[in-house]
Amino acid sequence: MNRYFQIRDNFELLVGARAAVHWVPVSGKLSLDKLGGARPVYGGNEANQEPLYVAQAALEGRAVQCGKVKVNGQAHLPYGGKEIIAENYSVLVFV
């Protein structure tokens, strides 16, 4: 099945071997120590240039949604036209 999407803004796409990354479960505010020495996948910056990392969480018992997380913050995920904060989430890291 072919699917086509119209892109209206600039974006970046992470490509590479699936075995090069994995998800690390985190609860509460992100500390790099919680990642066991793994390096998180960079996902962009806040307006103040603070780095953001790729996160995911299950919302309201539904499918997993991708979002963002910063050090000393929790995961923020788009859902239902809002930004939801997740206490329990996973961070994408390089192996």
C-alpha atoms as a PDB file:
ATOM      1  CA  MET A   1       0.000   0.000   0.000  1.00  0.00           C
ATOM      2  CA  ASN A   2       1.398   3.403  -0.973  1.00  0.00           C
ATOM      3  CA  ARG A   3       0.748   6.382   1.255  1.00  0.00           C
ATOM      4  CA  TYR A   4       1.555   9.983   0.460  1.00  0.00           C
ATOM      5  CA  PHE A   5       1.845  12.807   2.944  1.00  0.00           C
ATOM      6  CA  GLN A   6       2.082  16.507   2.323  1.00  0.00           C
ATOM      7  CA  ILE A   7       4.870  18.117   4.369  1.00  0.00           C
ATOM      8  CA  ARG A   8       4.259  21.786   5.108  1.00  0.00           C
ATOM      9  CA  ASP A   9       7.317  22.640   7.217  1.00  0.00           C
ATOM     10  CA  ASN A  10      10.952  21.679   7.518  1.00  0.00           C
ATOM     11  CA  PHE A  11      11.647  18.361   9.197  1.00  0.00           C
ATOM     12  CA  GLU A  12      14.399  15.829   9.744  1.00  0.00           C
ATOM     13  CA  LEU A  13      14.092  12.076   9.457  1.00  0.00           C
ATOM     14  CA  LEU A  14      16.194   9.616  11.458  1.00  0.00           C
ATOM     15  CA  VAL A  15      17.332   6.751   9.252  1.00  0.00           C
ATOM     16  CA  GLY A  16      19.695   3.907   9.975  1.00  0.00           C
ATOM     17  CA  ALA A  17      19.892   0.413  11.336  1.00  0.00           C
ATOM     18  CA  ARG A  18      17.096  -0.375  13.798  1.00  0.00           C
ATOM     19  CA  ALA A  19      19.616  -2.288  15.919  1.00  0.00           C
ATOM     20  CA  ALA A  20      21.546   0.968  16.520  1.00  0.00           C
ATOM     21  CA  VAL A  21      18.881   2.342  18.905  1.00  0.00           C
ATOM     22  CA  HIS A  22      16.561   1.110  21.637  1.00  0.00           C
ATOM     23  CA  TRP A  23      14.044   2.504  24.145  1.00  0.00           C
ATOM     24  CA  VAL A  24      14.957   2.988  27.810  1.00  0.00           C
ATOM     25  CA  PRO A  25      12.018   3.220  30.258  1.00  0.00           C
ATOM     26  CA  VAL A  26      12.059   6.290  32.533  1.00  0.00           C
ATOM     27  CA  SER A  27       9.804   7.442  35.344  1.00  0.00           C
ATOM     28  CA  GLY A  28       9.651  11.049  36.533  1.00  0.00           C
ATOM     29  CA  LYS A  29      12.009  13.791  35.444  1.00  0.00           C
ATOM     30  CA  LEU A  30      14.745  12.818  33.001  1.00  0.00           C
ATOM     31  CA  SER A  31      18.291  12.582  34.281  1.00  0.00           C
ATOM     32  CA  LEU A  32      20.975  11.274  31.945  1.00  0.00           C
ATOM     33  CA  ASP A  33      21.981   8.945  34.807  1.00  0.00           C
ATOM     34  CA  LYS A  34      18.630   7.144  34.339  1.00  0.00           C
ATOM     35  CA  LEU A  35      19.791   6.095  30.850  1.00  0.00           C
ATOM     36  CA  GLY A  36      22.580   3.894  32.186  1.00  0.00           C
ATOM     37  CA  GLY A  37      25.317   5.674  30.270  1.00  0.00           C
ATOM     38  CA  ALA A  38      23.482   5.490  26.924  1.00  0.00           C
ATOM     39  CA  ARG A  39      23.378   8.599  24.705  1.00  0.00           C
ATOM     40  CA  PRO A  40      19.836   9.876  23.977  1.00  0.00           C
ATOM     41  CA  VAL A  41      18.779  10.572  20.396  1.00  0.00           C
ATOM     42  CA  TYR A  42      18.694  14.339  19.821  1.00  0.00           C
ATOM     43  CA  GLY A  43      15.331  15.562  18.574  1.00  0.00           C
ATOM     44  CA  GLY A  44      15.684  19.346  18.395  1.00  0.00           C
ATOM     45  CA  ASN A  45      15.785  22.394  20.673  1.00  0.00           C
ATOM     46  CA  GLU A  46      13.452  24.487  22.775  1.00  0.00           C
ATOM     47  CA  ALA A  47      13.221  28.178  21.825  1.00  0.00           C
ATOM     48  CA  ASN A  48      15.978  28.874  24.388  1.00  0.00           C
ATOM     49  CA  GLN A  49      18.241  26.313  22.606  1.00  0.00           C
ATOM     50  CA  GLU A  50      17.871  23.703  25.384  1.00  0.00           C
ATOM     51  CA  PRO A  51      18.246  20.254  23.737  1.00  0.00           C
ATOM     52  CA  LEU A  52      15.242  17.955  23.350  1.00  0.00           C
ATOM     53  CA  TYR A  53      15.382  14.172  23.022  1.00  0.00           C
ATOM     54  CA  VAL A  54      13.022  11.642  21.414  1.00  0.00           C
ATOM     55  CA  ALA A  55      10.505  10.094  23.832  1.00  0.00           C
ATOM     56  CA  GLN A  56       7.399   7.899  23.640  1.00  0.00           C
ATOM     57  CA  ALA A  57       4.572   6.873  25.969  1.00  0.00           C
ATOM     58  CA  ALA A  58       1.202   5.130  25.905  1.00  0.00           C
ATOM     59  CA  LEU A  59      -1.576   7.668  26.453  1.00  0.00           C
ATOM     60  CA  GLU A  60      -4.931   6.802  28.012  1.00  0.00           C
ATOM     61  CA  GLY A  61      -4.412   3.106  27.292  1.00  0.00           C
ATOM     62  CA  ARG A  62      -4.134   3.797  23.576  1.00  0.00           C
ATOM     63  CA  ALA A  63      -1.342   3.359  21.073  1.00  0.00           C
ATOM     64  CA  VAL A  64       2.129   4.656  21.831  1.00  0.00           C
ATOM     65  CA  GLN A  65       2.700   8.301  20.899  1.00  0.00           C
ATOM     66  CA  CYS A  66       6.093   9.894  20.179  1.00  0.00           C
ATOM     67  CA  GLY A  67       7.102  13.207  21.683  1.00  0.00           C
ATOM     68  CA  LYS A  68       9.961  15.061  23.321  1.00  0.00           C
ATOM     69  CA  VAL A  69      11.752  15.258  26.663  1.00  0.00           C
ATOM     70  CA  LYS A  70      14.467  17.471  28.093  1.00  0.00           C
ATOM     71  CA  VAL A  71      16.829  16.933  31.008  1.00  0.00           C
ATOM     72  CA  ASN A  72      15.026  17.659  34.311  1.00  0.00           C
ATOM     73  CA  GLY A  73      11.671  17.433  32.516  1.00  0.00           C
ATOM     74  CA  GLN A  74       9.040  14.813  31.770  1.00  0.00           C
ATOM     75  CA  ALA A  75       7.907  13.654  28.338  1.00  0.00           C
ATOM     76  CA  HIS A  76       5.610  16.001  26.407  1.00  0.00           C
ATOM     77  CA  LEU A  77       3.464  14.309  23.768  1.00  0.00           C
ATOM     78  CA  PRO A  78       0.950  15.685  21.262  1.00  0.00           C
ATOM     79  CA  TYR A  79      -2.498  14.195  21.762  1.00  0.00           C
ATOM     80  CA  GLY A  80      -5.998  15.409  20.915  1.00  0.00           C
ATOM     81  CA  GLY A  81      -4.793  18.881  19.935  1.00  0.00           C
ATOM     82  CA  LYS A  82      -2.989  19.344  23.266  1.00  0.00           C
ATOM     83  CA  GLU A  83       0.425  18.650  24.741  1.00  0.00           C
ATOM     84  CA  ILE A  84       0.172  15.908  27.377  1.00  0.00           C
ATOM     85  CA  ILE A  85       2.840  15.367  30.061  1.00  0.00           C
ATOM     86  CA  ALA A  86       3.710  11.712  30.734  1.00  0.00           C
ATOM     87  CA  GLU A  87       5.169  10.593  34.084  1.00  0.00           C
ATOM     88  CA  ASN A  88       6.178   7.173  32.698  1.00  0.00           C
ATOM     89  CA  TYR A  89       7.761   7.130  29.250  1.00  0.00           C
ATOM     90  CA  SER A  90      10.699   5.802  27.252  1.00  0.00           C
ATOM     91  CA  VAL A  91      13.650   7.651  25.762  1.00  0.00           C
ATOM     92  CA  LEU A  92      15.238   6.604  22.465  1.00  0.00           C
ATOM     93  CA  VAL A  93      18.984   6.007  22.915  1.00  0.00           C
ATOM     94  CA  PHE A  94      21.892   4.870  20.786  1.00  0.00           C
ATOM     95  CA  VAL A  95      23.167   1.390  21.587  1.00  0.00           C
END
